Amino acid sequence: MTKVLVFGTFDGLHEGHLDFFKQAREFGDPSTSSGQVCLVVVVGRDSSVAKLKKRPPRYNEQERLKKVQECNLVDEALLGEENHSPYSDSYNLIKEINPDVICLGYDQSEFLKKLREELKKMNLKAEVKVLKPHKPEIYKSSVLNN
């Protein structure tokens, strides 16, 4: 089974998020022995989102997690760890999950900067892919939540 890992806030699950999940699933290799792809989604904690986006999320972490868990494109959804840095909590989860592929959104450039370096430090071989936006002028949480 190919494990694909994604991170996000998912503040009001919308068509852009669903496209993000669909794109991420495509990076799984269905030719593996089981032919299965496992999409694991890490939903940012309220405290991490507030630090990263300089505002609290519209929906609390439990509401956001529940919506992602209910999405039929997602195999597993969990909350990120509580931490002082919006990204350092991600590295512990990456090590624990040990994904084959990590897919980032087009707007996660801050995370991308350090991710490859951290993967080397942890001696993990996960591929890192940056996904394409899906109509960001319409389906971006910062636009929808204003």
C-alpha atoms as a PDB file:
ATOM      1  CA  MET A   1       0.000   0.000   0.000  1.00  0.00           C
ATOM      2  CA  THR A   2       1.246   3.460  -0.891  1.00  0.00           C
ATOM      3  CA  LYS A   3       0.805   6.038   1.864  1.00  0.00           C
ATOM      4  CA  VAL A   4       0.197   9.600   0.749  1.00  0.00           C
ATOM      5  CA  LEU A   5       0.235  12.307   3.415  1.00  0.00           C
ATOM      6  CA  VAL A   6      -1.211  15.816   3.239  1.00  0.00           C
ATOM      7  CA  PHE A   7      -1.487  18.679   5.711  1.00  0.00           C
ATOM      8  CA  GLY A   8      -3.871  21.575   5.908  1.00  0.00           C
ATOM      9  CA  THR A   9      -6.307  23.711   7.816  1.00  0.00           C
ATOM     10  CA  PHE A  10      -9.420  22.670   5.862  1.00  0.00           C
ATOM     11  CA  ASP A  11     -11.428  25.536   7.301  1.00  0.00           C
ATOM     12  CA  GLY A  12     -14.740  24.856   5.606  1.00  0.00           C
ATOM     13  CA  LEU A  13     -14.225  21.850   3.340  1.00  0.00           C
ATOM     14  CA  HIS A  14     -14.807  23.032  -0.231  1.00  0.00           C
ATOM     15  CA  GLU A  15     -14.287  21.985  -3.839  1.00  0.00           C
ATOM     16  CA  GLY A  16     -10.663  23.167  -3.773  1.00  0.00           C
ATOM     17  CA  HIS A  17      -9.929  20.813  -0.870  1.00  0.00           C
ATOM     18  CA  LEU A  18     -11.672  17.917  -2.621  1.00  0.00           C
ATOM     19  CA  ASP A  19      -9.559  18.514  -5.730  1.00  0.00           C
ATOM     20  CA  PHE A  20      -6.468  18.609  -3.476  1.00  0.00           C
ATOM     21  CA  PHE A  21      -7.401  15.179  -2.061  1.00  0.00           C
ATOM     22  CA  LYS A  22      -8.047  13.777  -5.566  1.00  0.00           C
ATOM     23  CA  GLN A  23      -4.690  15.036  -6.829  1.00  0.00           C
ATOM     24  CA  ALA A  24      -2.886  13.606  -3.793  1.00  0.00           C
ATOM     25  CA  ARG A  25      -4.473  10.179  -4.277  1.00  0.00           C
ATOM     26  CA  GLU A  26      -3.082  10.100  -7.823  1.00  0.00           C
ATOM     27  CA  PHE A  27       0.459   9.994  -6.414  1.00  0.00           C
ATOM     28  CA  GLY A  28      -0.235   6.639  -4.825  1.00  0.00           C
ATOM     29  CA  ASP A  29       1.011   3.723  -6.860  1.00  0.00           C
ATOM     30  CA  PRO A  30      -1.896   1.383  -7.571  1.00  0.00           C
ATOM     31  CA  SER A  31       0.554  -1.129  -9.067  1.00  0.00           C
ATOM     32  CA  THR A  32       1.852  -2.054  -5.611  1.00  0.00           C
ATOM     33  CA  SER A  33       1.081  -5.569  -4.415  1.00  0.00           C
ATOM     34  CA  SER A  34      -2.120  -4.533  -2.678  1.00  0.00           C
ATOM     35  CA  GLY A  35      -3.054  -2.030  -5.376  1.00  0.00           C
ATOM     36  CA  GLN A  36      -4.250   0.338  -2.668  1.00  0.00           C
ATOM     37  CA  VAL A  37      -3.577   3.949  -1.909  1.00  0.00           C
ATOM     38  CA  CYS A  38      -3.967   5.260   1.612  1.00  0.00           C
ATOM     39  CA  LEU A  39      -4.550   8.996   1.914  1.00  0.00           C
ATOM     40  CA  VAL A  40      -3.731  10.313   5.386  1.00  0.00           C
ATOM     41  CA  VAL A  41      -4.815  13.881   6.132  1.00  0.00           C
ATOM     42  CA  VAL A  42      -3.426  15.891   9.037  1.00  0.00           C
ATOM     43  CA  VAL A  43      -5.743  18.700  10.104  1.00  0.00           C
ATOM     44  CA  GLY A  44      -4.000  21.663  11.722  1.00  0.00           C
ATOM     45  CA  ARG A  45      -4.688  22.400  15.387  1.00  0.00           C
ATOM     46  CA  ASP A  46      -6.464  25.641  16.238  1.00  0.00           C
ATOM     47  CA  SER A  47      -3.347  26.975  17.964  1.00  0.00           C
ATOM     48  CA  SER A  48      -1.080  26.181  14.999  1.00  0.00           C
ATOM     49  CA  VAL A  49      -3.525  27.706  12.507  1.00  0.00           C
ATOM     50  CA  ALA A  50      -3.764  30.909  14.541  1.00  0.00           C
ATOM     51  CA  LYS A  51       0.033  31.222  14.631  1.00  0.00           C
ATOM     52  CA  LEU A  52       0.448  30.464  10.946  1.00  0.00           C
ATOM     53  CA  LYS A  53      -2.430  32.527   9.548  1.00  0.00           C
ATOM     54  CA  LYS A  54      -2.429  35.248  12.214  1.00  0.00           C
ATOM     55  CA  ARG A  55      -6.136  34.602  12.863  1.00  0.00           C
ATOM     56  CA  PRO A  56      -8.143  31.781  14.385  1.00  0.00           C
ATOM     57  CA  PRO A  57      -9.875  29.333  12.052  1.00  0.00           C
ATOM     58  CA  ARG A  58     -13.562  29.852  11.350  1.00  0.00           C
ATOM     59  CA  TYR A  59     -14.382  26.290  12.446  1.00  0.00           C
ATOM     60  CA  ASN A  60     -12.718  24.660  15.443  1.00  0.00           C
ATOM     61  CA  GLU A  61     -10.339  21.730  15.035  1.00  0.00           C
ATOM     62  CA  GLN A  62     -12.927  19.101  16.007  1.00  0.00           C
ATOM     63  CA  GLU A  63     -15.414  20.408  13.422  1.00  0.00           C
ATOM     64  CA  ARG A  64     -12.740  20.540  10.729  1.00  0.00           C
ATOM     65  CA  LEU A  65     -11.482  17.057  11.598  1.00  0.00           C
ATOM     66  CA  LYS A  66     -14.995  15.581  11.486  1.00  0.00           C
ATOM     67  CA  LYS A  67     -15.661  17.035   8.008  1.00  0.00           C
ATOM     68  CA  VAL A  68     -12.395  15.596   6.684  1.00  0.00           C
ATOM     69  CA  GLN A  69     -13.080  12.206   8.290  1.00  0.00           C
ATOM     70  CA  GLU A  70     -16.478  12.129   6.571  1.00  0.00           C
ATOM     71  CA  CYS A  71     -14.929  12.745   3.143  1.00  0.00           C
ATOM     72  CA  ASN A  72     -14.902   9.550   1.083  1.00  0.00           C
ATOM     73  CA  LEU A  73     -11.594  10.519  -0.564  1.00  0.00           C
ATOM     74  CA  VAL A  74      -9.774  10.304   2.785  1.00  0.00           C
ATOM     75  CA  ASP A  75      -8.715   7.027   4.390  1.00  0.00           C
ATOM     76  CA  GLU A  76      -7.484   8.449   7.677  1.00  0.00           C
ATOM     77  CA  ALA A  77      -7.691  11.907   9.231  1.00  0.00           C
ATOM     78  CA  LEU A  78      -6.072  13.077  12.431  1.00  0.00           C
ATOM     79  CA  LEU A  79      -5.230  16.261  14.241  1.00  0.00           C
ATOM     80  CA  GLY A  80      -1.735  17.658  14.155  1.00  0.00           C
ATOM     81  CA  GLU A  81       0.185  17.798  17.401  1.00  0.00           C
ATOM     82  CA  GLU A  82       0.075  20.798  19.712  1.00  0.00           C
ATOM     83  CA  ASN A  83       3.337  22.674  19.421  1.00  0.00           C
ATOM     84  CA  HIS A  84       4.903  26.099  19.516  1.00  0.00           C
ATOM     85  CA  SER A  85       5.656  26.176  15.798  1.00  0.00           C
ATOM     86  CA  PRO A  86       3.087  25.662  13.047  1.00  0.00           C
ATOM     87  CA  TYR A  87       5.384  23.213  11.250  1.00  0.00           C
ATOM     88  CA  SER A  88       7.520  21.471  13.853  1.00  0.00           C
ATOM     89  CA  ASP A  89       4.540  19.378  14.943  1.00  0.00           C
ATOM     90  CA  SER A  90       4.360  18.029  11.401  1.00  0.00           C
ATOM     91  CA  TYR A  91       7.812  16.453  11.511  1.00  0.00           C
ATOM     92  CA  ASN A  92       6.923  14.170  14.431  1.00  0.00           C
ATOM     93  CA  LEU A  93       3.842  12.951  12.571  1.00  0.00           C
ATOM     94  CA  ILE A  94       5.776  12.445   9.353  1.00  0.00           C
ATOM     95  CA  LYS A  95       8.255  10.247  11.181  1.00  0.00           C
ATOM     96  CA  GLU A  96       5.439   8.276  12.826  1.00  0.00           C
ATOM     97  CA  ILE A  97       3.380   7.822   9.633  1.00  0.00           C
ATOM     98  CA  ASN A  98       6.414   7.269   7.370  1.00  0.00           C
ATOM     99  CA  PRO A  99       4.614   8.127   4.109  1.00  0.00           C
ATOM    100  CA  ASP A 100       5.800   7.249   0.626  1.00  0.00           C
ATOM    101  CA  VAL A 101       4.652  10.622  -0.728  1.00  0.00           C
ATOM    102  CA  ILE A 102       3.942  13.979   0.925  1.00  0.00           C
ATOM    103  CA  CYS A 103       1.743  16.289  -1.116  1.00  0.00           C
ATOM    104  CA  LEU A 104       1.647  19.990  -0.355  1.00  0.00           C
ATOM    105  CA  GLY A 105      -0.723  22.626  -1.589  1.00  0.00           C
ATOM    106  CA  TYR A 106       0.502  25.329  -3.936  1.00  0.00           C
ATOM    107  CA  ASP A 107       0.219  27.794  -1.022  1.00  0.00           C
ATOM    108  CA  GLN A 108       2.362  25.827   1.455  1.00  0.00           C
ATOM    109  CA  SER A 109       5.718  27.290   0.388  1.00  0.00           C
ATOM    110  CA  GLU A 110       6.878  28.026   3.949  1.00  0.00           C
ATOM    111  CA  PHE A 111       6.476  24.352   4.850  1.00  0.00           C
ATOM    112  CA  LEU A 112       8.201  23.218   1.653  1.00  0.00           C
ATOM    113  CA  LYS A 113      11.314  25.278   2.447  1.00  0.00           C
ATOM    114  CA  LYS A 114      12.272  23.136   5.420  1.00  0.00           C
ATOM    115  CA  LEU A 115      10.495  19.868   4.667  1.00  0.00           C
ATOM    116  CA  ARG A 116      13.094  18.315   2.356  1.00  0.00           C
ATOM    117  CA  GLU A 117      15.864  19.214   4.796  1.00  0.00           C
ATOM    118  CA  GLU A 118      13.941  17.691   7.716  1.00  0.00           C
ATOM    119  CA  LEU A 119      13.230  14.495   5.739  1.00  0.00           C
ATOM    120  CA  LYS A 120      16.981  14.048   5.210  1.00  0.00           C
ATOM    121  CA  LYS A 121      17.641  14.567   8.924  1.00  0.00           C
ATOM    122  CA  MET A 122      15.022  11.907   9.747  1.00  0.00           C
ATOM    123  CA  ASN A 123      16.460   9.596   7.064  1.00  0.00           C
ATOM    124  CA  LEU A 124      13.069   9.301   5.339  1.00  0.00           C
ATOM    125  CA  LYS A 125      12.746   8.778   1.602  1.00  0.00           C
ATOM    126  CA  ALA A 126       9.285  10.288   1.062  1.00  0.00           C
ATOM    127  CA  GLU A 127       8.817  12.092  -2.233  1.00  0.00           C
ATOM    128  CA  VAL A 128       7.527  15.647  -1.919  1.00  0.00           C
ATOM    129  CA  LYS A 129       5.052  16.894  -4.509  1.00  0.00           C
ATOM    130  CA  VAL A 130       3.450  20.331  -4.814  1.00  0.00           C
ATOM    131  CA  LEU A 131      -0.090  20.126  -6.149  1.00  0.00           C
ATOM    132  CA  LYS A 132      -1.820  22.476  -8.553  1.00  0.00           C
ATOM    133  CA  PRO A 133      -4.414  24.980  -7.368  1.00  0.00           C
ATOM    134  CA  HIS A 134      -8.060  24.429  -8.231  1.00  0.00           C
ATOM    135  CA  LYS A 135      -9.668  27.772  -9.068  1.00  0.00           C
ATOM    136  CA  PRO A 136      -7.949  29.618  -6.179  1.00  0.00           C
ATOM    137  CA  GLU A 137      -9.786  32.829  -7.010  1.00  0.00           C
ATOM    138  CA  ILE A 138     -12.975  30.989  -5.969  1.00  0.00           C
ATOM    139  CA  TYR A 139     -11.971  28.014  -3.803  1.00  0.00           C
ATOM    140  CA  LYS A 140      -9.504  29.376  -1.295  1.00  0.00           C
ATOM    141  CA  SER A 141     -10.543  29.458   2.344  1.00  0.00           C
ATOM    142  CA  SER A 142      -9.268  33.007   2.792  1.00  0.00           C
ATOM    143  CA  VAL A 143     -11.587  34.103  -0.040  1.00  0.00           C
ATOM    144  CA  LEU A 144     -14.556  31.991   1.057  1.00  0.00           C
ATOM    145  CA  ASN A 145     -14.296  32.919   4.731  1.00  0.00           C
ATOM    146  CA  ASN A 146     -14.314  36.693   4.211  1.00  0.00           C
END
